[in-house]
N, C-alpha and C. Protein backbone atom coordinates (compact mmCIF):
# COMPACT_ATOMS: atom_id res chain seq x y z
N UNK A 1 123.91 84.37 112.54
CA UNK A 1 123.12 85.45 111.99
C UNK A 1 122.93 85.14 110.47
N UNK A 2 123.91 84.70 109.54
CA UNK A 2 124.24 84.47 108.18
C UNK A 2 123.11 83.43 108.01
N UNK A 3 122.96 82.29 108.53
CA UNK A 3 121.87 81.25 108.69
C UNK A 3 120.59 81.91 108.40
N UNK A 4 120.29 83.28 109.29
CA UNK A 4 118.95 83.74 108.92
C UNK A 4 118.79 84.52 108.04
N UNK A 5 120.06 85.20 107.56
CA UNK A 5 119.94 86.15 106.47
C UNK A 5 119.69 85.12 105.17
N UNK A 6 120.08 84.08 105.31
CA UNK A 6 119.95 83.35 104.31
C UNK A 6 118.67 82.37 103.78
N UNK A 7 118.29 81.99 105.28
CA UNK A 7 116.93 81.69 105.09
C UNK A 7 115.47 82.69 105.06
N UNK A 8 116.14 83.93 105.49
CA UNK A 8 114.86 85.00 105.09
C UNK A 8 114.88 85.43 103.48
N UNK A 9 116.14 85.29 102.73
CA UNK A 9 116.32 85.48 101.52
C UNK A 9 115.60 84.26 100.74
N UNK A 10 115.82 83.25 101.09
CA UNK A 10 115.12 81.98 100.28
C UNK A 10 113.56 82.45 100.55
N UNK A 11 113.12 82.58 101.61
CA UNK A 11 111.79 83.00 102.11
C UNK A 11 111.28 84.09 100.71
N UNK A 12 111.86 85.30 100.92
CA UNK A 12 111.73 86.34 99.91
C UNK A 12 111.84 85.85 98.51
N UNK A 13 112.55 84.87 98.02
CA UNK A 13 112.78 84.64 96.87
C UNK A 13 111.77 83.72 96.63
N UNK A 14 111.11 83.38 97.56
CA UNK A 14 110.09 82.17 96.95
C UNK A 14 108.68 82.67 96.42
N UNK A 15 108.75 84.05 96.52
CA UNK A 15 107.15 84.67 96.38
C UNK A 15 106.93 84.85 94.91
N UNK A 16 106.09 83.72 94.69
CA UNK A 16 105.52 83.58 92.99
C UNK A 16 105.10 84.27 92.19
N UNK A 17 104.42 85.70 92.90
CA UNK A 17 103.95 86.46 92.05
C UNK A 17 105.08 87.40 91.41
N UNK A 18 106.27 87.88 92.66
CA UNK A 18 107.65 88.58 91.95
C UNK A 18 108.23 88.04 90.71
N UNK A 19 108.07 86.20 91.35
CA UNK A 19 108.96 86.03 89.70
C UNK A 19 108.31 85.84 88.60
N UNK A 20 106.69 85.44 88.68
CA UNK A 20 106.15 86.07 87.42
C UNK A 20 106.16 87.53 87.06
N UNK A 21 106.10 88.42 87.34
CA UNK A 21 106.48 89.48 86.70
C UNK A 21 108.13 90.02 86.75
N UNK A 22 108.80 88.93 87.25
CA UNK A 22 110.21 88.95 86.89
C UNK A 22 111.09 90.07 87.94
N UNK A 23 110.62 89.94 89.26
CA UNK A 23 111.59 90.63 90.24
C UNK A 23 112.30 89.86 90.80
N UNK A 24 113.45 90.61 91.01
CA UNK A 24 114.58 89.98 91.42
C UNK A 24 115.11 90.52 92.84
N UNK A 25 115.55 90.20 93.81
CA UNK A 25 115.97 90.87 95.05
C UNK A 25 117.29 90.95 94.86
N UNK A 26 117.89 92.18 94.94
CA UNK A 26 119.50 92.59 94.80
C UNK A 26 120.02 92.73 96.23
N UNK A 27 119.38 92.86 97.33
CA UNK A 27 120.09 93.12 98.22
C UNK A 27 118.75 93.56 99.51
N UNK A 28 119.41 93.32 100.74
CA UNK A 28 118.43 93.68 101.96
C UNK A 28 119.45 93.59 103.16
N UNK A 29 118.84 94.07 104.10
CA UNK A 29 119.44 94.41 105.54
C UNK A 29 118.36 95.22 106.57
N UNK A 30 118.23 95.05 107.51
CA UNK A 30 117.40 95.72 108.23
C UNK A 30 117.07 97.11 108.06
N UNK A 31 115.61 96.81 107.66
CA UNK A 31 114.82 97.93 107.20
C UNK A 31 115.54 98.77 105.67
N UNK A 32 115.75 97.94 104.96
CA UNK A 32 116.28 98.32 103.61
C UNK A 32 116.18 97.02 102.50
N UNK A 33 115.96 97.17 101.25
CA UNK A 33 115.95 96.46 100.32
C UNK A 33 116.00 96.98 98.70
N UNK A 34 116.62 95.97 98.07
CA UNK A 34 116.78 96.55 96.60
C UNK A 34 116.52 95.24 95.86
N UNK A 35 115.56 96.03 94.79
CA UNK A 35 115.16 94.52 93.78
C UNK A 35 114.99 95.42 92.22
N UNK A 36 115.10 94.58 91.67
CA UNK A 36 114.99 95.23 90.42
C UNK A 36 114.24 94.23 89.27
N UNK A 37 113.82 94.76 88.07
CA UNK A 37 112.94 94.07 87.16
C UNK A 37 113.04 94.55 86.01
N UNK A 38 113.39 93.93 84.68
CA UNK A 38 113.47 94.30 83.36
C UNK A 38 112.25 94.69 82.71
N UNK A 39 111.73 95.61 82.18
CA UNK A 39 110.62 95.79 81.58
C UNK A 39 110.39 94.75 80.39
N UNK A 40 109.20 94.00 80.28
CA UNK A 40 109.33 92.92 79.39
C UNK A 40 108.19 93.29 78.23
N UNK A 41 107.79 92.59 77.46
CA UNK A 41 106.61 93.18 76.43
C UNK A 41 105.62 92.76 76.93
N UNK A 42 105.42 91.87 78.09
CA UNK A 42 104.22 91.57 78.40
C UNK A 42 104.02 92.67 79.63
N UNK A 43 104.63 93.48 80.32
CA UNK A 43 104.26 94.18 81.22
C UNK A 43 104.20 95.47 80.52
N UNK A 44 103.91 95.59 79.22
CA UNK A 44 103.63 97.29 78.69
C UNK A 44 102.01 97.31 79.04
N UNK A 45 101.55 98.43 79.07
CA UNK A 45 100.09 98.71 78.88
C UNK A 45 99.95 99.20 77.48
N UNK A 46 98.76 99.73 76.91
CA UNK A 46 98.29 99.91 75.72
C UNK A 46 98.83 101.25 75.02
N UNK A 47 99.56 102.21 75.73
CA UNK A 47 100.51 103.07 75.57
C UNK A 47 102.05 102.78 74.90
N UNK A 48 101.94 101.52 75.23
CA UNK A 48 103.24 100.87 74.64
C UNK A 48 104.57 100.97 76.30
N UNK A 49 104.22 101.50 76.87
CA UNK A 49 105.37 101.64 78.11
C UNK A 49 104.96 100.99 79.36
N UNK A 50 105.58 101.00 80.10
CA UNK A 50 105.57 100.00 81.63
C UNK A 50 104.20 100.36 81.98
N UNK A 51 103.41 99.21 82.42
CA UNK A 51 101.99 99.43 83.21
C UNK A 51 102.35 100.08 84.50
N UNK A 52 101.68 100.88 84.97
CA UNK A 52 101.66 101.15 86.21
C UNK A 52 101.86 99.99 87.69
N UNK A 53 100.76 98.95 86.95
CA UNK A 53 101.19 98.02 88.27
C UNK A 53 101.96 97.35 88.06
N UNK A 54 102.84 97.63 86.78
CA UNK A 54 104.38 96.53 87.12
C UNK A 54 105.42 97.06 87.71
N UNK A 55 105.05 98.46 87.66
CA UNK A 55 106.11 99.11 88.07
C UNK A 55 105.76 99.19 89.88
N UNK A 56 104.59 99.22 90.19
CA UNK A 56 103.88 99.30 91.84
C UNK A 56 104.45 97.75 92.06
N UNK A 57 104.17 96.74 91.66
CA UNK A 57 104.69 95.52 91.55
C UNK A 57 106.03 95.59 92.44
N UNK A 58 106.98 96.34 91.74
CA UNK A 58 108.57 96.29 91.63
C UNK A 58 109.04 96.99 93.14
N UNK A 59 108.36 98.23 93.45
CA UNK A 59 107.77 98.90 94.39
C UNK A 59 107.72 98.34 95.59
N UNK A 60 106.55 97.13 95.58
CA UNK A 60 105.94 96.59 96.58
C UNK A 60 107.03 95.40 97.33
N UNK A 61 107.39 94.66 96.01
CA UNK A 61 108.30 93.73 96.34
C UNK A 61 109.43 94.16 97.62
N UNK A 62 109.94 95.37 97.01
CA UNK A 62 110.62 96.04 97.77
C UNK A 62 110.72 96.58 99.27
N UNK A 63 109.37 97.18 99.32
CA UNK A 63 108.81 97.38 100.51
C UNK A 63 108.38 96.26 101.51
N UNK A 64 108.18 94.72 100.90
CA UNK A 64 107.76 93.79 101.41
C UNK A 64 108.71 93.43 102.05
N UNK A 65 109.84 93.35 101.62
CA UNK A 65 111.62 92.66 102.08
C UNK A 65 111.90 93.44 102.76
N UNK A 66 111.86 95.07 102.42
CA UNK A 66 112.45 95.93 103.75
C UNK A 66 111.45 95.69 104.96
N UNK A 67 110.35 95.98 104.85
CA UNK A 67 109.44 95.78 106.08
C UNK A 67 109.75 94.27 106.91
N UNK A 68 110.04 93.17 106.49
CA UNK A 68 110.25 91.81 107.04
C UNK A 68 111.56 91.36 106.85
N UNK A 69 112.43 92.46 106.87
CA UNK A 69 113.60 91.56 107.32
C UNK A 69 114.43 91.83 108.45
N UNK A 70 113.59 92.23 109.09
CA UNK A 70 114.00 91.69 110.97
C UNK A 70 113.60 90.56 111.75
N UNK A 71 112.70 89.98 110.65
CA UNK A 71 112.23 88.77 110.87
C UNK A 71 111.06 88.44 112.02
N UNK A 72 110.42 89.62 111.46
CA UNK A 72 109.18 89.94 112.58
C UNK A 72 107.84 90.11 111.23
N UNK A 73 107.15 89.46 111.58
CA UNK A 73 105.95 89.18 109.94
C UNK A 73 105.43 90.30 110.20
N UNK A 74 105.50 91.21 108.82
CA UNK A 74 105.13 92.98 108.33
C UNK A 74 103.89 92.63 107.67
N UNK A 75 102.76 93.13 107.40
CA UNK A 75 101.74 92.90 106.59
C UNK A 75 101.25 94.66 106.31
N UNK A 76 101.16 94.79 104.83
CA UNK A 76 101.00 96.08 104.25
C UNK A 76 99.55 96.52 104.78
N UNK A 77 99.47 97.86 105.42
CA UNK A 77 98.24 98.54 105.73
C UNK A 77 98.12 99.63 104.39
N UNK A 78 98.60 100.19 103.81
CA UNK A 78 98.53 101.11 102.66
C UNK A 78 100.08 101.01 102.08
N UNK A 79 99.92 101.42 100.80
CA UNK A 79 101.02 101.95 100.05
C UNK A 79 100.62 103.15 99.03
N UNK A 80 101.25 104.07 98.93
CA UNK A 80 101.18 104.96 98.07
C UNK A 80 101.67 104.92 96.80
N UNK A 81 101.87 105.32 95.15
CA UNK A 81 102.71 105.75 94.47
C UNK A 81 102.42 106.75 93.70
N UNK A 82 103.40 107.37 93.03
CA UNK A 82 103.62 108.68 92.41
C UNK A 82 104.65 108.27 91.18
N UNK A 83 104.15 108.19 90.22
CA UNK A 83 104.75 107.99 89.30
C UNK A 83 105.50 109.23 87.88
N UNK A 84 106.59 109.15 88.13
CA UNK A 84 107.57 110.34 87.38
C UNK A 84 107.29 110.75 85.81
N UNK A 85 107.59 109.38 85.23
CA UNK A 85 107.96 109.37 83.83
C UNK A 85 107.53 107.90 83.46
N UNK A 86 107.49 108.22 82.04
CA UNK A 86 106.88 106.40 81.58
C UNK A 86 108.33 105.73 81.06
N UNK A 87 108.29 104.22 80.90
CA UNK A 87 109.39 103.67 81.11
C UNK A 87 109.30 102.64 79.77
N UNK A 88 110.26 102.71 79.07
CA UNK A 88 110.44 101.86 77.58
C UNK A 88 110.30 100.37 77.98
N UNK A 89 110.25 99.53 76.93
CA UNK A 89 110.34 98.42 76.79
C UNK A 89 111.72 98.14 76.97
N UNK A 90 112.50 97.04 77.85
CA UNK A 90 114.12 96.56 77.65
C UNK A 90 114.52 97.43 78.88
N UNK A 91 114.00 98.26 79.70
CA UNK A 91 114.46 99.25 80.73
C UNK A 91 114.35 98.52 81.93
N UNK A 92 115.93 98.65 82.35
CA UNK A 92 115.83 97.95 83.98
C UNK A 92 115.51 99.08 85.02
N UNK A 93 114.78 98.55 85.72
CA UNK A 93 114.08 99.19 86.94
C UNK A 93 114.72 98.66 88.58
N UNK A 94 114.78 99.79 89.00
CA UNK A 94 115.57 99.40 90.80
C UNK A 94 114.88 100.16 91.32
N UNK A 95 114.26 98.88 92.45
CA UNK A 95 113.43 99.85 93.52
C UNK A 95 114.30 99.59 94.70
N UNK A 96 114.63 100.69 95.56
CA UNK A 96 115.12 101.23 96.75
C UNK A 96 113.89 101.36 98.05
N UNK A 97 114.12 100.26 98.80
CA UNK A 97 112.70 100.72 100.37
C UNK A 97 113.79 101.03 101.04
N UNK A 98 113.57 101.93 102.21
CA UNK A 98 114.06 102.61 103.34
C UNK A 98 113.16 102.57 104.09
N UNK A 99 113.37 102.39 105.26
CA UNK A 99 112.55 102.53 106.63
C UNK A 99 112.65 103.61 106.98
N UNK A 100 111.68 104.29 107.08
CA UNK A 100 111.48 105.65 107.71
C UNK A 100 111.49 105.97 109.44
N UNK A 101 110.39 105.15 109.31
CA UNK A 101 110.31 104.93 111.16
C UNK A 101 109.32 103.73 111.52
N UNK A 102 110.47 103.41 112.51
CA UNK A 102 109.57 101.92 113.29
C UNK A 102 109.22 102.05 114.44
N UNK A 103 108.09 101.60 114.64
CA UNK A 103 106.95 102.08 116.27
C UNK A 103 107.11 100.34 116.52
N UNK A 104 106.65 100.34 117.46
CA UNK A 104 105.82 98.81 118.36
C UNK A 104 104.95 97.75 117.28
N UNK A 105 104.22 98.67 116.38
CA UNK A 105 103.13 97.65 115.95
C UNK A 105 102.93 98.29 114.34
N UNK A 106 103.58 99.67 114.05
CA UNK A 106 103.83 99.48 112.81
C UNK A 106 105.31 100.34 111.85
N UNK A 107 105.28 100.30 111.23
CA UNK A 107 106.29 100.30 109.95
C UNK A 107 106.33 101.52 109.01
N UNK A 108 106.99 102.43 108.93
CA UNK A 108 106.40 103.36 107.59
C UNK A 108 108.27 103.64 106.73
N UNK A 109 107.78 103.20 105.60
CA UNK A 109 108.68 103.06 104.14
C UNK A 109 108.48 103.98 103.35
N UNK A 110 109.48 104.63 102.70
CA UNK A 110 109.95 104.78 101.43
C UNK A 110 110.34 104.23 100.20
N UNK A 111 109.98 104.42 98.91
CA UNK A 111 110.25 103.17 98.11
C UNK A 111 110.56 104.35 96.97
N UNK A 112 111.73 104.25 96.70
CA UNK A 112 112.27 105.12 95.37
C UNK A 112 112.20 103.98 94.01
N UNK A 113 111.93 104.19 92.93
CA UNK A 113 111.93 103.46 91.63
C UNK A 113 112.88 104.54 90.60
N UNK A 114 113.84 103.99 90.17
CA UNK A 114 115.04 104.51 89.53
C UNK A 114 114.99 103.65 87.94
N UNK A 115 115.32 104.08 86.60
CA UNK A 115 115.55 103.32 85.99
C UNK A 115 117.16 103.27 86.17
N UNK A 116 117.87 102.66 85.09
CA UNK A 116 119.39 102.12 84.71
C UNK A 116 120.22 103.38 84.38
N UNK A 117 119.26 104.67 84.11
CA UNK A 117 120.32 105.75 83.98
C UNK A 117 120.27 106.52 85.54
N UNK A 118 119.36 106.26 86.50
CA UNK A 118 119.30 106.77 87.53
C UNK A 118 118.31 107.79 87.58
N UNK A 119 117.42 107.77 86.44
CA UNK A 119 116.21 108.69 86.56
C UNK A 119 115.35 108.27 87.27
N UNK A 120 114.78 109.21 87.75
CA UNK A 120 113.36 109.17 88.98
C UNK A 120 112.13 108.43 88.07
N UNK A 121 111.54 107.56 88.35
CA UNK A 121 110.18 106.52 87.85
C UNK A 121 109.24 106.60 88.67
N UNK A 122 109.53 106.78 89.87
CA UNK A 122 108.07 106.63 90.61
C UNK A 122 108.93 106.91 92.25
N UNK A 123 107.89 107.11 93.00
CA UNK A 123 108.23 107.54 94.57
C UNK A 123 106.96 106.84 95.32
N UNK A 124 107.18 106.07 96.53
CA UNK A 124 106.10 105.33 97.00
C UNK A 124 106.36 105.50 98.64
N UNK A 125 105.26 105.44 99.42
CA UNK A 125 105.06 105.61 100.78
C UNK A 125 104.44 104.03 101.39
N UNK A 126 104.90 103.37 102.10
CA UNK A 126 104.22 102.18 102.52
C UNK A 126 104.02 102.04 104.30
N UNK A 127 103.07 101.70 104.32
CA UNK A 127 103.04 101.42 105.77
C UNK A 127 102.60 100.13 106.41
N UNK A 128 102.78 99.46 107.03
CA UNK A 128 102.89 97.89 107.82
C UNK A 128 102.50 97.99 108.99
N UNK A 129 101.62 96.51 109.39
CA UNK A 129 101.52 96.04 110.63
C UNK A 129 102.21 95.23 110.91
N UNK A 130 102.91 95.24 112.34
CA UNK A 130 103.88 94.37 112.64
C UNK A 130 103.65 93.14 113.39
N UNK A 131 103.26 92.14 113.30
CA UNK A 131 102.78 90.68 113.95
C UNK A 131 103.90 90.65 115.00
N UNK A 132 103.82 91.04 115.88
CA UNK A 132 104.83 90.79 117.53
C UNK A 132 104.81 89.35 117.48
N UNK A 133 105.83 88.47 117.36
CA UNK A 133 105.83 87.40 117.72
C UNK A 133 105.55 86.23 117.03
N UNK A 134 105.53 87.07 115.70
CA UNK A 134 105.36 85.97 114.43
C UNK A 134 106.56 86.41 113.66
N UNK A 135 107.77 85.37 113.64
CA UNK A 135 108.75 85.50 112.40
C UNK A 135 108.00 85.08 110.96
N UNK A 136 108.89 85.61 110.32
CA UNK A 136 108.86 85.17 109.06
C UNK A 136 109.11 83.64 108.70
N UNK A 137 110.63 83.56 109.62
CA UNK A 137 111.38 82.26 109.17
C UNK A 137 111.51 81.81 110.62
N UNK A 138 111.28 80.38 110.88
CA UNK A 138 111.55 80.04 112.08
C UNK A 138 113.28 80.01 112.57
N UNK A 139 113.31 80.33 114.08
CA UNK A 139 114.80 80.80 114.21
C UNK A 139 115.18 79.46 114.77
């Protein structure tokens, strides 16, 4: 089981886009993931705060890891996000994705993004399609 977890983590960390925006996977288990990102200057919008797309990217990575954590390939059908407050450069953001409902073919996840002080930054919800019989990594 630990070998599978290690291989899944390696697969999750191979995401080139996540690396590009600076997302780190901190933790995962079945139906849950925690990821972090520090807001760099390149991630600011013209108002001088974190671009919504950067916050969305962090939430999306946490959602992706949580939904693929059972080693069943899951692909997003939809994701919505609600932004609650602006984020300054240098802020450390933490996203947690929680499985709310898991069926045979779909899974529903809640994603919460907070800053390093625990202030709510954004809340999202994502729906995935489960590709039964298609593992994320070979067993």
